[in-house]
Amino acid sequence: MSLMRMSSPHTRSGDRTAGVMLQVAAATAPGVLALVLYFGIGVLINIVLCTITALACEAAMVKLRNRPVSFYLKDYTAFVTALLLGIALPPYCAWWLPVVGSAVAIVLAKQLYGGLGYNPFNPAMVGYVVLLISFPLAMTRWVAPGELIQGTPGIAEAFSLVFGNYSVDGFTRATPLEIVRLNDSVLLEQLYQMEPILNQGRVAGLGWETANLGFLVGGLFLLYRRVITWHAPAAMLATLALLSMLFYDSGSSLSEGSPALHLFSGATMLGAFFIITDPVSGATSNKGRLIFGAGVGLLTYVIRAWGSYPDAVAFAVLLMNFAAPTIDNYTLPRTYGHKAPRKATEGEEQ
């Protein structure tokens, strides 16, 4: 989440910005709690490492630009970027992954474009994609839910995995989307019976579906508080559901998964309510948000079904970030031949 591109991000109250960011952070709590319960405290370690790095980088870059450091840190935008990136990273990954990803998100994707409100791409997703492309093996080592491996790692073991030279291979399992994507030999019904992570869940895999429900609850809270609008999330989820329904062949070995799998596994709900609702890197008008969200849903399914990455939300978001200015050009109202100015935040326009 961030502020407007067209004018100074602090022309409105800094307290208003901080309040919006704190509500966004609070809304992630149900999803984060679910991730911790199923995957362990590695999720929290990621968030802490990302936060420390993001705040340090933000302070250093603001200082280099001769801006008041405390004023910029108190808007909590760097914290929210770190929080979203930390949630997206695999638990118990090596400590330097959160550090590098956060530094890229703040320095390259945010501050080098002019800071708060001027970034054309979502900073958290830039950091995630840079890590995924640069270190694909480390970024795909998701641990299995604790119920499948006799409990999640304890505190001491978790710190050894993150800061030591210990391998997490003994704890890792393929994610539900990866299992379905790589299957080409058995019916989906048989696959669900064979894979514990699938047969111990209800519709989208043990742990993953609960985390997505948690982020859905948080997203509904943001809608209730009018921090975001419904247009982009609804368009993304509806498009993803429609495509997965159209291409679902009732469960053959070549099936790309049911609509429930696509909606409640991977980063679907996190992306729908916390990523694509960024008013700077996304579209601005309500009509534009519908187009933007539909585009993210379309690209997410295409990459999941026929691309190389089972969970494609980050790539879909960045590709649509490229398209956001064009969408705005054709959907924003015009005044005297010019586009109407962008609004500060989705919450402030209510």
Protein backbone atom coordinates (compact mmCIF):
# COMPACT_ATOMS: atom_id res chain seq x y z
CA MET A 1 0.00 0.00 0.00
CA SER A 2 1.22 3.53 -0.68
CA LEU A 3 0.12 6.96 -1.71
CA MET A 4 -0.52 8.94 -4.85
CA ARG A 5 1.79 9.38 -7.81
CA MET A 6 0.66 12.79 -9.05
CA SER A 7 1.39 14.96 -6.04
CA SER A 8 3.31 14.96 -2.81
CA PRO A 9 2.39 11.92 -0.74
CA HIS A 10 2.30 14.02 2.40
CA THR A 11 -0.01 16.79 1.24
CA ARG A 12 -2.63 15.08 3.35
CA SER A 13 -2.26 14.16 6.98
CA GLY A 14 0.60 11.81 7.77
CA ASP A 15 -1.50 10.50 10.60
CA ARG A 16 -4.14 9.46 8.05
CA THR A 17 -1.55 7.49 6.10
CA ALA A 18 -0.25 5.83 9.27
CA GLY A 19 -3.79 4.95 10.30
CA VAL A 20 -4.51 3.29 6.97
CA MET A 21 -1.26 1.33 7.07
CA LEU A 22 -1.91 0.12 10.62
CA GLN A 23 -5.35 -1.13 9.59
CA VAL A 24 -3.80 -3.00 6.67
CA ALA A 25 -1.22 -4.55 8.99
CA ALA A 26 -3.89 -5.52 11.52
CA ALA A 27 -6.00 -7.10 8.78
CA THR A 28 -3.22 -9.57 7.96
CA ALA A 29 -3.36 -10.98 11.51
CA PRO A 30 -5.84 -13.85 10.87
CA GLY A 31 -3.84 -15.08 7.87
CA VAL A 32 -0.50 -14.73 9.66
CA LEU A 33 -1.87 -16.58 12.69
CA ALA A 34 -3.00 -19.45 10.45
CA LEU A 35 0.42 -19.61 8.79
CA VAL A 36 2.17 -19.71 12.17
CA LEU A 37 -0.15 -22.42 13.49
CA TYR A 38 0.44 -24.67 10.48
CA PHE A 39 3.99 -23.78 9.41
CA GLY A 40 5.61 -22.50 12.59
CA ILE A 41 7.44 -19.42 13.83
CA GLY A 42 9.59 -19.26 10.71
CA VAL A 43 6.84 -17.00 9.36
CA LEU A 44 7.40 -14.53 12.20
CA ILE A 45 11.17 -14.69 11.78
CA ASN A 46 10.76 -13.73 8.14
CA ILE A 47 8.53 -10.79 9.07
CA VAL A 48 10.96 -9.53 11.73
CA LEU A 49 13.98 -9.77 9.42
CA CYS A 50 12.10 -8.04 6.61
CA THR A 51 10.91 -5.29 8.93
CA ILE A 52 14.33 -4.52 10.40
CA THR A 53 15.91 -4.41 6.95
CA ALA A 54 13.12 -2.37 5.39
CA LEU A 55 13.15 0.26 8.12
CA ALA A 56 16.95 0.52 8.01
CA CYS A 57 16.97 0.91 4.23
CA GLU A 58 14.12 3.41 4.34
CA ALA A 59 15.93 5.50 6.96
CA ALA A 60 19.22 5.40 5.03
CA MET A 61 17.64 6.39 1.70
CA VAL A 62 15.53 9.17 3.24
CA LYS A 63 18.63 10.49 4.99
CA LEU A 64 20.55 10.50 1.69
CA ARG A 65 17.72 12.54 0.16
CA ASN A 66 17.94 15.05 3.04
CA ARG A 67 14.41 14.31 4.21
CA PRO A 68 13.24 14.01 7.86
CA VAL A 69 13.79 10.35 8.73
CA SER A 70 11.37 10.12 11.64
CA PHE A 71 8.55 11.71 9.61
CA TYR A 72 8.86 9.14 6.82
CA LEU A 73 9.24 6.13 9.11
CA LYS A 74 6.11 7.01 11.07
CA ASP A 75 3.83 6.49 8.07
CA TYR A 76 4.37 2.70 8.37
CA THR A 77 4.48 2.13 4.61
CA ALA A 78 7.90 0.48 4.80
CA PHE A 79 6.61 -1.75 7.58
CA VAL A 80 3.62 -2.89 5.50
CA THR A 81 5.89 -3.64 2.53
CA ALA A 82 8.12 -5.72 4.81
CA LEU A 83 5.11 -7.46 6.33
CA LEU A 84 3.70 -8.52 2.95
CA LEU A 85 7.09 -9.73 1.73
CA GLY A 86 7.72 -11.65 4.95
CA ILE A 87 4.36 -13.40 4.62
CA ALA A 88 5.15 -14.43 1.04
CA LEU A 89 8.59 -15.93 1.76
CA PRO A 90 9.02 -19.63 2.64
CA PRO A 91 9.29 -20.15 6.41
CA TYR A 92 12.78 -21.02 7.70
CA CYS A 93 14.50 -19.75 4.56
CA ALA A 94 18.08 -18.53 5.04
CA TRP A 95 18.27 -15.17 6.84
CA TRP A 96 19.79 -13.38 3.86
CA LEU A 97 16.72 -13.97 1.66
CA PRO A 98 14.45 -11.64 3.71
CA VAL A 99 17.32 -9.15 4.00
CA VAL A 100 18.05 -9.05 0.27
CA GLY A 101 14.36 -9.05 -0.69
CA SER A 102 13.51 -6.18 1.65
CA ALA A 103 16.49 -4.12 0.51
CA VAL A 104 15.46 -4.57 -3.12
CA ALA A 105 11.84 -3.67 -2.32
CA ILE A 106 12.68 -0.46 -0.48
CA VAL A 107 15.79 0.78 -2.29
CA LEU A 108 15.21 -0.29 -5.89
CA ALA A 109 11.42 -0.54 -6.15
CA LYS A 110 10.47 2.40 -3.94
CA GLN A 111 13.11 4.99 -3.09
CA LEU A 112 14.96 5.10 -6.42
CA TYR A 113 11.65 5.98 -8.09
CA GLY A 114 11.19 8.94 -5.77
CA GLY A 115 9.88 7.36 -2.60
CA LEU A 116 6.39 7.08 -1.20
CA GLY A 117 3.73 7.42 -3.86
CA TYR A 118 5.91 7.35 -6.96
CA ASN A 119 6.69 3.66 -7.33
CA PRO A 120 5.20 2.19 -10.55
CA PHE A 121 5.54 -1.40 -9.28
CA ASN A 122 4.44 -2.99 -6.04
CA PRO A 123 7.63 -2.98 -3.90
CA ALA A 124 6.91 -6.20 -2.02
CA MET A 125 6.26 -8.10 -5.24
CA VAL A 126 9.42 -6.70 -6.84
CA GLY A 127 11.44 -7.99 -3.90
CA TYR A 128 9.72 -11.38 -4.07
CA VAL A 129 10.17 -11.84 -7.82
CA VAL A 130 13.84 -10.81 -7.71
CA LEU A 131 14.44 -13.49 -5.08
CA LEU A 132 12.39 -16.10 -6.94
CA ILE A 133 14.26 -15.57 -10.20
CA SER A 134 17.69 -15.31 -8.55
CA PHE A 135 17.33 -18.14 -6.00
CA PRO A 136 14.57 -20.45 -7.32
CA LEU A 137 15.59 -23.50 -5.27
CA ALA A 138 15.65 -21.66 -1.95
CA MET A 139 12.39 -19.86 -2.72
CA THR A 140 10.46 -23.06 -3.44
CA ARG A 141 11.39 -24.90 -0.22
CA TRP A 142 8.10 -24.48 1.62
CA VAL A 143 7.90 -26.51 4.80
CA ALA A 144 5.08 -28.98 5.22
CA PRO A 145 2.28 -28.21 7.71
CA GLY A 146 3.28 -29.33 11.20
CA GLU A 147 0.59 -32.01 11.29
CA LEU A 148 2.37 -33.85 8.48
CA ILE A 149 5.86 -33.82 10.04
CA GLN A 150 5.01 -34.36 13.72
CA GLY A 151 5.04 -30.72 14.67
CA THR A 152 6.71 -27.55 13.44
CA PRO A 153 10.33 -26.76 14.38
CA GLY A 154 10.80 -25.34 17.88
CA ILE A 155 12.35 -21.96 18.60
CA ALA A 156 15.94 -23.21 18.89
CA GLU A 157 15.60 -25.39 15.82
CA ALA A 158 13.99 -22.56 13.88
CA PHE A 159 16.88 -20.19 14.57
CA SER A 160 19.35 -22.91 13.65
CA LEU A 161 17.62 -23.40 10.32
CA VAL A 162 17.47 -19.67 9.57
CA PHE A 163 20.88 -18.52 10.81
CA GLY A 164 22.88 -21.75 10.68
CA ASN A 165 23.98 -24.07 7.91
CA TYR A 166 21.24 -26.60 8.46
CA SER A 167 19.08 -27.77 5.58
CA VAL A 168 15.31 -27.52 5.65
CA ASP A 169 14.92 -30.35 3.13
CA GLY A 170 13.67 -32.73 5.81
CA PHE A 171 10.73 -30.42 6.53
CA THR A 172 9.79 -29.41 2.99
CA ARG A 173 6.94 -30.69 0.85
CA ALA A 174 5.50 -29.63 -2.48
CA THR A 175 2.68 -27.12 -2.16
CA PRO A 176 -0.85 -28.10 -3.26
CA LEU A 177 -0.55 -26.04 -6.45
CA GLU A 178 2.79 -27.70 -7.27
CA ILE A 179 1.38 -31.18 -6.68
CA VAL A 180 -1.54 -30.63 -9.03
CA ARG A 181 0.58 -28.78 -11.60
CA LEU A 182 3.15 -31.60 -11.84
CA ASN A 183 0.62 -34.43 -11.90
CA ASP A 184 0.20 -36.13 -15.28
CA SER A 185 -0.44 -39.74 -14.34
CA VAL A 186 -3.41 -40.16 -11.98
CA LEU A 187 -6.89 -38.74 -11.62
CA LEU A 188 -7.26 -35.81 -9.24
CA GLU A 189 -9.41 -37.95 -6.95
CA GLN A 190 -6.58 -40.47 -6.69
CA LEU A 191 -4.04 -37.68 -6.26
CA TYR A 192 -5.99 -36.29 -3.32
CA GLN A 193 -5.99 -39.73 -1.72
CA MET A 194 -2.25 -40.19 -2.27
CA GLU A 195 -1.01 -36.79 -1.05
CA PRO A 196 -1.41 -36.13 2.71
CA ILE A 197 -1.34 -32.34 2.30
CA LEU A 198 -4.35 -32.62 -0.01
CA ASN A 199 -6.37 -35.35 1.67
CA GLN A 200 -6.02 -33.76 5.12
CA GLY A 201 -7.41 -30.50 3.83
CA ARG A 202 -10.95 -29.82 2.74
CA VAL A 203 -10.66 -28.16 -0.65
CA ALA A 204 -7.19 -26.65 -1.19
CA GLY A 205 -4.61 -28.32 1.01
CA LEU A 206 -3.90 -28.52 4.73
CA GLY A 207 -2.85 -25.13 6.10
CA TRP A 208 -3.11 -23.27 2.83
CA GLU A 209 -6.88 -23.09 2.79
CA THR A 210 -6.99 -21.88 6.40
CA ALA A 211 -4.41 -19.17 5.70
CA ASN A 212 -6.38 -18.01 2.65
CA LEU A 213 -9.56 -17.91 4.71
CA GLY A 214 -7.66 -15.80 7.23
CA PHE A 215 -6.60 -13.30 4.57
CA LEU A 216 -10.16 -13.29 3.22
CA VAL A 217 -11.43 -12.32 6.68
CA GLY A 218 -8.80 -9.58 6.82
CA GLY A 219 -9.79 -8.38 3.38
CA LEU A 220 -13.44 -8.17 4.37
CA PHE A 221 -12.37 -6.09 7.38
CA LEU A 222 -10.58 -3.65 5.05
CA LEU A 223 -13.70 -3.45 2.89
CA TYR A 224 -15.85 -2.80 5.95
CA ARG A 225 -13.46 -0.06 7.08
CA ARG A 226 -13.42 1.36 3.53
CA VAL A 227 -9.65 1.17 3.40
CA ILE A 228 -10.00 -0.55 0.02
CA THR A 229 -12.80 -0.90 -2.51
CA TRP A 230 -14.31 -4.16 -3.73
CA HIS A 231 -13.62 -3.68 -7.44
CA ALA A 232 -10.11 -5.11 -7.91
CA PRO A 233 -10.46 -8.05 -5.45
CA ALA A 234 -13.86 -9.07 -6.83
CA ALA A 235 -12.66 -8.87 -10.44
CA MET A 236 -9.54 -10.91 -9.73
CA LEU A 237 -11.33 -13.65 -7.79
CA ALA A 238 -14.24 -13.84 -10.24
CA THR A 239 -11.91 -14.11 -13.24
CA LEU A 240 -9.75 -16.75 -11.56
CA ALA A 241 -12.83 -18.74 -10.54
CA LEU A 242 -14.38 -18.50 -14.00
CA LEU A 243 -11.23 -19.63 -15.82
CA SER A 244 -10.55 -22.50 -13.43
CA MET A 245 -14.17 -23.59 -13.87
CA LEU A 246 -14.01 -23.39 -17.68
CA PHE A 247 -10.81 -25.42 -17.89
CA TYR A 248 -11.68 -27.88 -15.12
CA ASP A 249 -12.30 -31.25 -16.77
CA SER A 250 -13.79 -32.94 -13.70
CA GLY A 251 -10.47 -34.26 -12.50
CA SER A 252 -8.44 -36.00 -15.20
CA SER A 253 -4.69 -36.46 -14.85
CA LEU A 254 -4.21 -33.34 -16.98
CA SER A 255 -6.56 -31.19 -14.92
CA GLU A 256 -5.16 -27.92 -13.64
CA GLY A 257 -7.25 -28.03 -10.49
CA SER A 258 -10.69 -27.05 -9.30
CA PRO A 259 -11.88 -23.47 -8.70
CA ALA A 260 -11.67 -24.10 -4.93
CA LEU A 261 -8.01 -25.07 -5.24
CA HIS A 262 -7.14 -21.91 -7.15
CA LEU A 263 -9.11 -19.63 -4.86
CA PHE A 264 -7.94 -21.02 -1.52
CA SER A 265 -4.37 -22.12 -2.16
CA GLY A 266 -1.18 -20.21 -2.80
CA ALA A 267 -1.24 -16.42 -2.39
CA THR A 268 -4.67 -15.86 -3.91
CA MET A 269 -6.43 -14.04 -1.07
CA LEU A 270 -3.29 -12.21 0.02
CA GLY A 271 -2.90 -10.94 -3.52
CA ALA A 272 -6.57 -10.05 -3.96
CA PHE A 273 -6.98 -7.94 -0.84
CA PHE A 274 -3.49 -6.77 0.13
CA ILE A 275 -1.43 -6.56 -3.06
CA ILE A 276 -3.55 -5.48 -6.01
CA THR A 277 -5.35 -2.85 -3.92
CA ASP A 278 -2.21 -0.69 -3.89
CA PRO A 279 -3.58 2.61 -5.30
CA VAL A 280 -0.24 3.69 -6.80
CA SER A 281 0.93 0.64 -8.70
CA GLY A 282 -2.64 -0.36 -9.57
CA ALA A 283 -5.38 1.40 -11.48
CA THR A 284 -7.15 4.43 -10.01
CA SER A 285 -10.76 4.60 -11.14
CA ASN A 286 -13.34 1.99 -10.15
CA LYS A 287 -13.68 0.89 -13.78
CA GLY A 288 -9.91 0.70 -14.04
CA ARG A 289 -9.70 -1.40 -10.90
CA LEU A 290 -12.15 -3.89 -12.38
CA ILE A 291 -9.98 -4.19 -15.48
CA PHE A 292 -6.79 -4.36 -13.42
CA GLY A 293 -8.16 -7.06 -11.10
CA ALA A 294 -9.49 -9.11 -14.00
CA GLY A 295 -6.10 -8.91 -15.68
CA VAL A 296 -4.36 -10.18 -12.53
CA GLY A 297 -6.83 -13.07 -12.28
CA LEU A 298 -6.36 -13.96 -15.94
CA LEU A 299 -2.56 -13.90 -15.77
CA THR A 300 -2.52 -15.80 -12.48
CA TYR A 301 -4.46 -18.68 -13.99
CA VAL A 302 -2.51 -18.69 -17.27
CA ILE A 303 0.85 -18.83 -15.49
CA ARG A 304 -0.35 -21.42 -12.97
CA ALA A 305 -1.84 -23.67 -15.62
CA TRP A 306 0.70 -23.37 -18.45
CA GLY A 307 3.70 -21.53 -17.04
CA SER A 308 6.70 -22.60 -14.99
CA TYR A 309 5.57 -21.21 -11.63
CA PRO A 310 2.65 -22.89 -9.80
CA ASP A 311 1.79 -19.76 -7.82
CA ALA A 312 1.86 -16.78 -10.14
CA VAL A 313 0.30 -13.90 -8.21
CA ALA A 314 3.51 -11.86 -7.97
CA PHE A 315 4.25 -12.13 -11.71
CA ALA A 316 0.64 -11.34 -12.58
CA VAL A 317 0.66 -8.23 -10.39
CA LEU A 318 3.91 -6.87 -11.84
CA LEU A 319 2.76 -7.47 -15.41
CA MET A 320 -0.45 -5.58 -14.71
CA ASN A 321 1.53 -2.80 -13.03
CA PHE A 322 2.99 -2.18 -16.50
CA ALA A 323 -0.54 -1.83 -17.84
CA ALA A 324 -1.89 0.41 -15.06
CA PRO A 325 -0.98 3.77 -16.71
CA THR A 326 -2.70 2.71 -19.95
CA ILE A 327 -5.76 1.54 -18.03
CA ASP A 328 -5.86 4.90 -16.23
CA ASN A 329 -5.50 6.74 -19.52
CA TYR A 330 -8.72 5.22 -20.84
CA THR A 331 -10.76 4.99 -17.63
CA LEU A 332 -10.04 8.14 -15.61
CA PRO A 333 -12.43 11.07 -16.13
CA ARG A 334 -10.93 13.98 -18.04
CA THR A 335 -11.17 17.66 -17.18
CA TYR A 336 -10.39 20.23 -19.89
CA GLY A 337 -8.53 17.63 -21.91
CA HIS A 338 -6.46 16.30 -19.02
CA LYS A 339 -6.85 13.37 -16.69
CA ALA A 340 -8.33 14.04 -13.30
CA PRO A 341 -5.64 13.87 -10.58
CA ARG A 342 -5.04 10.57 -8.85
CA LYS A 343 -6.46 10.21 -5.38
CA ALA A 344 -4.27 9.70 -2.38
CA THR A 345 -5.51 6.36 -1.12
CA GLU A 346 -8.48 4.15 -1.58
CA GLY A 347 -9.37 4.81 2.04
CA GLU A 348 -9.21 8.58 1.68
CA GLU A 349 -11.55 8.69 -1.28
CA GLN A 350 -14.44 7.27 0.72
